[in-house]
C-alpha atoms as a PDB file:
ATOM      1  CA  MET A   1       0.206  -0.077  -0.113  1.00  0.00           C
ATOM      2  CA  THR A   2       1.336   3.511  -0.728  1.00  0.00           C
ATOM      3  CA  ASP A   3       0.959   6.345   1.561  1.00  0.00           C
ATOM      4  CA  ALA A   4      -0.001   9.781   0.613  1.00  0.00           C
ATOM      5  CA  ASP A   5       3.867  10.773   0.201  1.00  0.00           C
ATOM      6  CA  GLY A   6       4.631   8.084  -2.753  1.00  0.00           C
ATOM      7  CA  GLN A   7       6.062   5.698   0.055  1.00  0.00           C
ATOM      8  CA  LEU A   8       5.292   2.027   0.133  1.00  0.00           C
ATOM      9  CA  SER A   9       3.545   1.400   3.438  1.00  0.00           C
ATOM     10  CA  ALA A  10       4.513  -1.450   5.677  1.00  0.00           C
ATOM     11  CA  THR A  11       2.198  -4.295   5.612  1.00  0.00           C
ATOM     12  CA  PRO A  12       2.804  -7.880   7.554  1.00  0.00           C
ATOM     13  CA  ARG A  13       3.683  -9.269   4.079  1.00  0.00           C
ATOM     14  CA  THR A  14       5.996  -6.578   3.149  1.00  0.00           C
ATOM     15  CA  SER A  15       7.774  -5.871   6.589  1.00  0.00           C
ATOM     16  CA  LEU A  16      11.319  -6.842   6.363  1.00  0.00           C
ATOM     17  CA  ARG A  17      12.398  -8.762   9.059  1.00  0.00           C
ATOM     18  CA  ARG A  18      16.201  -9.327   8.747  1.00  0.00           C
ATOM     19  CA  MET A  19      18.767  -6.794   7.290  1.00  0.00           C
ATOM     20  CA  LYS A  20      16.205  -3.859   7.226  1.00  0.00           C
ATOM     21  CA  GLU A  21      18.636  -1.165   6.167  1.00  0.00           C
ATOM     22  CA  LYS A  22      18.912  -2.943   2.742  1.00  0.00           C
ATOM     23  CA  GLY A  23      15.012  -2.223   2.113  1.00  0.00           C
ATOM     24  CA  HIS A  24      13.616   0.678   0.793  1.00  0.00           C
ATOM     25  CA  ARG A  25      10.008   2.485   1.038  1.00  0.00           C
ATOM     26  CA  ASP A  26      10.009   5.101  -1.800  1.00  0.00           C
ATOM     27  CA  ARG A  27       7.390   4.036  -4.402  1.00  0.00           C
ATOM     28  CA  ALA A  28      10.106   5.003  -7.079  1.00  0.00           C
ATOM     29  CA  ALA A  29      12.839   2.425  -5.877  1.00  0.00           C
ATOM     30  CA  LEU A  30       9.910  -0.012  -6.798  1.00  0.00           C
ATOM     31  CA  PHE A  31       9.583   1.412 -10.337  1.00  0.00           C
ATOM     32  CA  ASP A  32      13.607   1.266 -10.987  1.00  0.00           C
ATOM     33  CA  VAL A  33      13.347  -2.113 -10.290  1.00  0.00           C
ATOM     34  CA  LEU A  34      10.476  -3.153 -12.307  1.00  0.00           C
ATOM     35  CA  ARG A  35      12.020  -1.126 -15.224  1.00  0.00           C
ATOM     36  CA  ALA A  36      15.070  -2.835 -14.917  1.00  0.00           C
ATOM     37  CA  GLY A  37      14.233  -6.178 -15.012  1.00  0.00           C
ATOM     38  CA  PHE A  38      12.762  -8.528 -17.813  1.00  0.00           C
ATOM     39  CA  VAL A  39      10.970 -11.489 -16.048  1.00  0.00           C
ATOM     40  CA  CYS A  40       9.122 -12.148 -13.342  1.00  0.00           C
ATOM     41  CA  HIS A  41       8.395 -14.924 -10.939  1.00  0.00           C
ATOM     42  CA  LEU A  42       4.297 -15.406 -10.288  1.00  0.00           C
ATOM     43  CA  GLY A  43       4.013 -17.664  -7.281  1.00  0.00           C
ATOM     44  CA  VAL A  44       0.444 -19.169  -6.991  1.00  0.00           C
ATOM     45  CA  LEU A  45      -1.478 -22.139  -5.633  1.00  0.00           C
ATOM     46  CA  VAL A  46      -3.070 -24.009  -7.812  1.00  0.00           C
ATOM     47  CA  ASP A  47      -4.864 -27.075  -6.572  1.00  0.00           C
ATOM     48  CA  GLY A  48      -3.741 -26.696  -3.059  1.00  0.00           C
ATOM     49  CA  HIS A  49       0.238 -27.143  -4.437  1.00  0.00           C
ATOM     50  CA  PRO A  50       2.509 -24.377  -5.038  1.00  0.00           C
ATOM     51  CA  MET A  51       3.576 -22.982  -8.272  1.00  0.00           C
ATOM     52  CA  VAL A  52       5.983 -20.842  -9.485  1.00  0.00           C
ATOM     53  CA  VAL A  53       5.754 -19.267 -13.194  1.00  0.00           C
ATOM     54  CA  PRO A  54       8.647 -17.133 -14.670  1.00  0.00           C
ATOM     55  CA  THR A  55       6.907 -14.810 -17.438  1.00  0.00           C
ATOM     56  CA  VAL A  56       7.554 -11.359 -18.686  1.00  0.00           C
ATOM     57  CA  TYR A  57       5.300  -8.522 -17.778  1.00  0.00           C
ATOM     58  CA  GLY A  58       4.432  -4.842 -18.247  1.00  0.00           C
ATOM     59  CA  PHE A  59       3.458  -2.289 -15.767  1.00  0.00           C
ATOM     60  CA  ASP A  60       1.815   1.407 -15.201  1.00  0.00           C
ATOM     61  CA  ASP A  61       1.607   3.601 -12.022  1.00  0.00           C
ATOM     62  CA  ARG A  62      -0.710   1.553 -10.773  1.00  0.00           C
ATOM     63  CA  HIS A  63      -0.914  -2.505 -12.189  1.00  0.00           C
ATOM     64  CA  LEU A  64       1.525  -5.126 -12.868  1.00  0.00           C
ATOM     65  CA  TYR A  65       0.140  -6.788 -16.006  1.00  0.00           C
ATOM     66  CA  LEU A  66       0.832 -10.832 -16.616  1.00  0.00           C
ATOM     67  CA  HIS A  67      -0.295 -12.554 -19.678  1.00  0.00           C
ATOM     68  CA  GLY A  68      -0.561 -16.101 -20.905  1.00  0.00           C
ATOM     69  CA  SER A  69      -2.999 -19.063 -22.340  1.00  0.00           C
ATOM     70  CA  VAL A  70      -6.529 -18.566 -21.181  1.00  0.00           C
ATOM     71  CA  ALA A  71      -6.241 -22.236 -20.276  1.00  0.00           C
ATOM     72  CA  SER A  72      -3.381 -21.592 -17.873  1.00  0.00           C
ATOM     73  CA  ARG A  73      -4.145 -22.682 -14.573  1.00  0.00           C
ATOM     74  CA  SER A  74      -1.173 -20.287 -12.852  1.00  0.00           C
ATOM     75  CA  LEU A  75      -3.137 -17.261 -13.841  1.00  0.00           C
ATOM     76  CA  THR A  76      -6.037 -17.490 -11.656  1.00  0.00           C
ATOM     77  CA  THR A  77      -7.723 -14.652  -9.624  1.00  0.00           C
ATOM     78  CA  ASP A  78      -9.469 -16.465  -6.791  1.00  0.00           C
ATOM     79  CA  THR A  79      -6.638 -16.336  -4.218  1.00  0.00           C
ATOM     80  CA  ASP A  80      -3.574 -14.113  -3.339  1.00  0.00           C
ATOM     81  CA  VAL A  81      -0.659 -14.102  -5.845  1.00  0.00           C
ATOM     82  CA  CYS A  82       3.020 -12.885  -5.219  1.00  0.00           C
ATOM     83  CA  VAL A  83       5.162 -12.132  -7.858  1.00  0.00           C
ATOM     84  CA  THR A  84       9.045 -10.957  -7.866  1.00  0.00           C
ATOM     85  CA  VAL A  85      11.635  -9.286  -9.991  1.00  0.00           C
ATOM     86  CA  THR A  86      15.215  -9.728  -9.227  1.00  0.00           C
ATOM     87  CA  VAL A  87      18.109  -8.042 -11.114  1.00  0.00           C
ATOM     88  CA  VAL A  88      21.431  -9.412 -10.287  1.00  0.00           C
ATOM     89  CA  ASP A  89      23.991  -6.906 -10.565  1.00  0.00           C
ATOM     90  CA  GLY A  90      27.351  -8.720  -9.500  1.00  0.00           C
ATOM     91  CA  LEU A  91      29.069 -11.264  -7.271  1.00  0.00           C
ATOM     92  CA  VAL A  92      30.321 -10.018  -3.979  1.00  0.00           C
ATOM     93  CA  LEU A  93      33.754 -11.941  -3.303  1.00  0.00           C
ATOM     94  CA  ALA A  94      34.591 -11.821   0.130  1.00  0.00           C
ATOM     95  CA  ARG A  95      37.784 -13.009   2.157  1.00  0.00           C
ATOM     96  CA  SER A  96      35.857 -15.867   3.623  1.00  0.00           C
ATOM     97  CA  VAL A  97      33.039 -18.100   1.927  1.00  0.00           C
ATOM     98  CA  PHE A  98      30.420 -17.009   4.859  1.00  0.00           C
ATOM     99  CA  GLU A  99      30.431 -13.275   3.577  1.00  0.00           C
ATOM    100  CA  HIS A 100      30.275 -14.277  -0.121  1.00  0.00           C
ATOM    101  CA  GLY A 101      27.025 -12.497  -1.627  1.00  0.00           C
ATOM    102  CA  VAL A 102      25.478 -10.891  -4.533  1.00  0.00           C
ATOM    103  CA  ASN A 103      24.606  -7.251  -5.464  1.00  0.00           C
ATOM    104  CA  TYR A 104      20.790  -7.218  -6.695  1.00  0.00           C
ATOM    105  CA  ARG A 105      17.945  -5.083  -6.929  1.00  0.00           C
ATOM    106  CA  SER A 106      14.452  -7.036  -6.232  1.00  0.00           C
ATOM    107  CA  ALA A 107      10.765  -6.475  -5.556  1.00  0.00           C
ATOM    108  CA  MET A 108       8.013  -8.381  -3.921  1.00  0.00           C
ATOM    109  CA  ILE A 109       4.492  -7.756  -5.097  1.00  0.00           C
ATOM    110  CA  TYR A 110       1.883  -9.349  -2.898  1.00  0.00           C
ATOM    111  CA  GLY A 111      -2.023  -8.709  -4.116  1.00  0.00           C
ATOM    112  CA  ARG A 112      -5.006 -10.666  -5.888  1.00  0.00           C
ATOM    113  CA  PRO A 113      -4.731  -9.779  -9.549  1.00  0.00           C
ATOM    114  CA  ARG A 114      -7.836  -9.162 -11.641  1.00  0.00           C
ATOM    115  CA  TRP A 115      -8.699 -10.707 -14.861  1.00  0.00           C
ATOM    116  CA  VAL A 116      -8.608  -8.228 -17.810  1.00  0.00           C
ATOM    117  CA  THR A 117     -11.680  -8.703 -19.761  1.00  0.00           C
ATOM    118  CA  GLY A 118     -12.270  -5.208 -21.539  1.00  0.00           C
ATOM    119  CA  THR A 119     -10.735  -4.689 -24.996  1.00  0.00           C
ATOM    120  CA  GLU A 120      -9.310  -1.453 -24.345  1.00  0.00           C
ATOM    121  CA  GLU A 121      -7.552  -2.250 -20.884  1.00  0.00           C
ATOM    122  CA  LYS A 122      -6.230  -5.580 -22.780  1.00  0.00           C
ATOM    123  CA  LEU A 123      -4.699  -3.992 -25.597  1.00  0.00           C
ATOM    124  CA  HIS A 124      -3.247  -1.269 -22.999  1.00  0.00           C
ATOM    125  CA  GLY A 125      -1.615  -3.892 -20.868  1.00  0.00           C
ATOM    126  CA  LEU A 126      -0.149  -5.530 -23.719  1.00  0.00           C
ATOM    127  CA  ARG A 127       1.003  -2.658 -25.480  1.00  0.00           C
ATOM    128  CA  LEU A 128       2.744  -1.871 -21.934  1.00  0.00           C
ATOM    129  CA  LEU A 129       4.132  -5.599 -21.700  1.00  0.00           C
ATOM    130  CA  THR A 130       5.200  -5.703 -25.563  1.00  0.00           C
ATOM    131  CA  GLU A 131       6.998  -2.032 -24.853  1.00  0.00           C
ATOM    132  CA  HIS A 132       8.659  -2.860 -21.650  1.00  0.00           C
ATOM    133  CA  VAL A 133      10.291  -5.639 -23.447  1.00  0.00           C
ATOM    134  CA  ALA A 134      11.372  -4.261 -26.445  1.00  0.00           C
ATOM    135  CA  PRO A 135      10.340  -0.279 -26.710  1.00  0.00           C
ATOM    136  CA  GLY A 136       9.188   0.601 -30.019  1.00  0.00           C
ATOM    137  CA  GLN A 137       7.814  -2.777 -31.308  1.00  0.00           C
ATOM    138  CA  TRP A 138       4.009  -2.182 -30.813  1.00  0.00           C
ATOM    139  CA  ASP A 139       4.081   0.435 -33.409  1.00  0.00           C
ATOM    140  CA  HIS A 140       6.100  -1.811 -35.783  1.00  0.00           C
ATOM    141  CA  ALA A 141       4.365  -5.181 -35.355  1.00  0.00           C
ATOM    142  CA  ARG A 142       1.114  -6.340 -36.030  1.00  0.00           C
ATOM    143  CA  ARG A 143      -1.319  -5.755 -33.468  1.00  0.00           C
ATOM    144  CA  PRO A 144      -3.524  -8.693 -31.948  1.00  0.00           C
ATOM    145  CA  ASN A 145      -6.629  -9.599 -33.555  1.00  0.00           C
ATOM    146  CA  ARG A 146      -9.960 -10.411 -32.263  1.00  0.00           C
ATOM    147  CA  ARG A 147      -9.083 -14.307 -32.248  1.00  0.00           C
ATOM    148  CA  GLU A 148      -5.671 -13.629 -30.346  1.00  0.00           C
ATOM    149  CA  LEU A 149      -7.273 -11.563 -27.759  1.00  0.00           C
ATOM    150  CA  ALA A 150      -9.683 -14.130 -26.815  1.00  0.00           C
ATOM    151  CA  ALA A 151      -7.165 -16.742 -26.560  1.00  0.00           C
ATOM    152  CA  THR A 152      -4.766 -14.325 -24.414  1.00  0.00           C
ATOM    153  CA  ALA A 153      -5.337 -14.147 -20.622  1.00  0.00           C
ATOM    154  CA  LEU A 154      -4.284 -11.020 -18.923  1.00  0.00           C
ATOM    155  CA  LEU A 155      -3.844 -10.059 -15.273  1.00  0.00           C
ATOM    156  CA  ALA A 156      -3.712  -6.835 -13.846  1.00  0.00           C
ATOM    157  CA  LEU A 157      -2.100  -6.882 -10.087  1.00  0.00           C
ATOM    158  CA  PRO A 158      -2.394  -3.901  -8.371  1.00  0.00           C
ATOM    159  CA  LEU A 159       0.918  -2.709  -6.956  1.00  0.00           C
ATOM    160  CA  ALA A 160      -0.214  -1.507  -3.570  1.00  0.00           C
ATOM    161  CA  GLU A 161       1.604  -3.678  -1.802  1.00  0.00           C
ATOM    162  CA  ALA A 162       5.094  -4.426  -2.093  1.00  0.00           C
ATOM    163  CA  SER A 163       8.625  -4.273  -0.822  1.00  0.00           C
ATOM    164  CA  VAL A 164      11.963  -3.265  -2.231  1.00  0.00           C
ATOM    165  CA  LYS A 165      15.320  -4.739  -1.010  1.00  0.00           C
ATOM    166  CA  THR A 166      18.638  -3.870  -2.809  1.00  0.00           C
ATOM    167  CA  ARG A 167      22.292  -4.795  -2.129  1.00  0.00           C
ATOM    168  CA  SER A 168      25.509  -2.844  -3.456  1.00  0.00           C
ATOM    169  CA  GLY A 169      29.120  -2.334  -3.295  1.00  0.00           C
ATOM    170  CA  PRO A 170      32.378  -4.356  -1.921  1.00  0.00           C
ATOM    171  CA  PRO A 171      32.387  -7.098   0.579  1.00  0.00           C
ATOM    172  CA  ASP A 172      31.649  -5.886   4.147  1.00  0.00           C
ATOM    173  CA  ASP A 173      34.508  -7.662   5.611  1.00  0.00           C
ATOM    174  CA  GLY A 174      37.260  -5.040   5.255  1.00  0.00           C
ATOM    175  CA  ASP A 175      37.142  -4.239   9.085  1.00  0.00           C
ATOM    176  CA  SER A 176      36.899  -7.929  10.478  1.00  0.00           C
ATOM    177  CA  PRO A 177      39.609 -10.384  11.447  1.00  0.00           C
ATOM    178  CA  ASP A 178      40.024 -12.105   7.949  1.00  0.00           C
ATOM    179  CA  ALA A 179      41.154  -8.592   6.738  1.00  0.00           C
ATOM    180  CA  ALA A 180      44.515  -9.865   8.130  1.00  0.00           C
ATOM    181  CA  LEU A 181      44.692 -12.673   5.726  1.00  0.00           C
ATOM    182  CA  GLY A 182      46.043 -10.921   2.850  1.00  0.00           C
ATOM    183  CA  LEU A 183      43.333 -12.457   0.259  1.00  0.00           C
ATOM    184  CA  TRP A 184      41.968 -10.718  -2.632  1.00  0.00           C
ATOM    185  CA  ALA A 185      38.116  -9.728  -1.974  1.00  0.00           C
ATOM    186  CA  GLY A 186      35.959  -7.057  -4.015  1.00  0.00           C
ATOM    187  CA  GLU A 187      32.860  -6.863  -6.510  1.00  0.00           C
ATOM    188  CA  LEU A 188      32.728  -8.639  -9.958  1.00  0.00           C
ATOM    189  CA  PRO A 189      30.066  -6.892 -11.836  1.00  0.00           C
ATOM    190  CA  LEU A 190      27.387  -8.284 -14.099  1.00  0.00           C
ATOM    191  CA  VAL A 191      26.455  -6.653 -17.152  1.00  0.00           C
ATOM    192  CA  ALA A 192      24.346  -8.301 -19.591  1.00  0.00           C
ATOM    193  CA  PRO A 193      24.520  -6.437 -22.995  1.00  0.00           C
ATOM    194  CA  LEU A 194      21.924  -7.164 -25.937  1.00  0.00           C
ATOM    195  CA  GLY A 195      23.708  -8.451 -29.061  1.00  0.00           C
ATOM    196  CA  ALA A 196      23.110  -7.781 -32.640  1.00  0.00           C
ATOM    197  CA  ALA A 197      19.687  -8.375 -33.985  1.00  0.00           C
ATOM    198  CA  GLY A 198      19.455 -11.371 -36.119  1.00  0.00           C
ATOM    199  CA  ALA A 199      16.960 -11.624 -39.039  1.00  0.00           C
ATOM    200  CA  ARG A 200      14.428 -14.470 -39.371  1.00  0.00           C
ATOM    201  CA  PRO A 201      13.979 -16.431 -42.320  1.00  0.00           C
ATOM    202  CA  ARG A 202      11.131 -14.696 -44.693  1.00  0.00           C
ATOM    203  CA  ARG A 203       9.208 -16.011 -47.667  1.00  0.00           C
ATOM    204  CA  SER A 204       9.106 -12.682 -49.129  1.00  0.00           C
ATOM    205  CA  ARG A 205      12.194 -11.706 -51.616  1.00  0.00           C
ATOM    206  CA  ARG A 206      12.104  -8.304 -50.746  1.00  0.00           C
ATOM    207  CA  PRO A 207      15.000  -7.508 -48.135  1.00  0.00           C
ATOM    208  CA  ARG A 208      14.005  -6.331 -45.041  1.00  0.00           C
ATOM    209  CA  ARG A 209      16.275  -4.515 -42.866  1.00  0.00           C
ATOM    210  CA  CYS A 210      16.315  -4.283 -39.088  1.00  0.00           C
ATOM    211  CA  ARG A 211      14.347  -1.771 -37.613  1.00  0.00           C
ATOM    212  CA  PRO A 212      16.061   1.293 -36.160  1.00  0.00           C
ATOM    213  CA  HIS A 213      14.580   1.083 -32.327  1.00  0.00           C
ATOM    214  CA  VAL A 214      15.490  -2.499 -32.441  1.00  0.00           C
ATOM    215  CA  ALA A 215      19.116  -2.089 -34.343  1.00  0.00           C
ATOM    216  CA  ALA A 216      19.758   1.001 -31.568  1.00  0.00           C
ATOM    217  CA  ARG A 217      19.633  -1.567 -28.866  1.00  0.00           C
ATOM    218  CA  ALA A 218      22.473  -3.848 -29.850  1.00  0.00           C
ATOM    219  CA  GLY A 219      25.307  -3.549 -27.391  1.00  0.00           C
ATOM    220  CA  THR A 220      23.252  -1.527 -24.705  1.00  0.00           C
ATOM    221  CA  ARG A 221      22.295  -2.653 -21.124  1.00  0.00           C
ATOM    222  CA  ALA A 222      19.616  -5.416 -21.161  1.00  0.00           C
ATOM    223  CA  ASP A 223      18.979  -3.754 -17.586  1.00  0.00           C
ATOM    224  CA  ARG A 224      18.650  -0.154 -18.944  1.00  0.00           C
ATOM    225  CA  ARG A 225      15.338   0.860 -21.310  1.00  0.00           C
END
């Protein structure tokens, strides 16, 4: 839930019990994680059993949008779900194995999603999802037709109850007894660049060049869009 000042409200599900200093309550931190990530994990109970499904997503100021087949058992709206987004920024290599870790940005979103049925909102959600993964692609590719829309389930999860947690920087063992061991310690950044676009074989004899909005992303960081 969000306070009037744009802060994420603490609830029993979002209150950090360990390493509270790594938590962030400002709503902007939530959107920073959502913008950087590509894949979220949807955790839901299906027939009484836990299921965690990786999927791409889109979002606006109010909702996180998830999509899939109308036959998907995971796209349920009759129970609360937990959606997580994690971006790994680097490996933290300390002087002892116990102090090793990962630099990361993560968000957990709780709530009961709503099945989107209206055509206007469905197209809005699918556009957000498409543009989040590949900016500019919605206006380049063919839009979903009526049959495809009917076969696609779209869930809208309110961005009302969420928690954000991050870690950055080198190991924290510089002032520990392990510092006297004379071992190297530091951070190994993890940066995922996008490669050059490859063309799919086509039936048309007319040559097709990669669109500028796609070609321009080659060599850029995947977590910056």
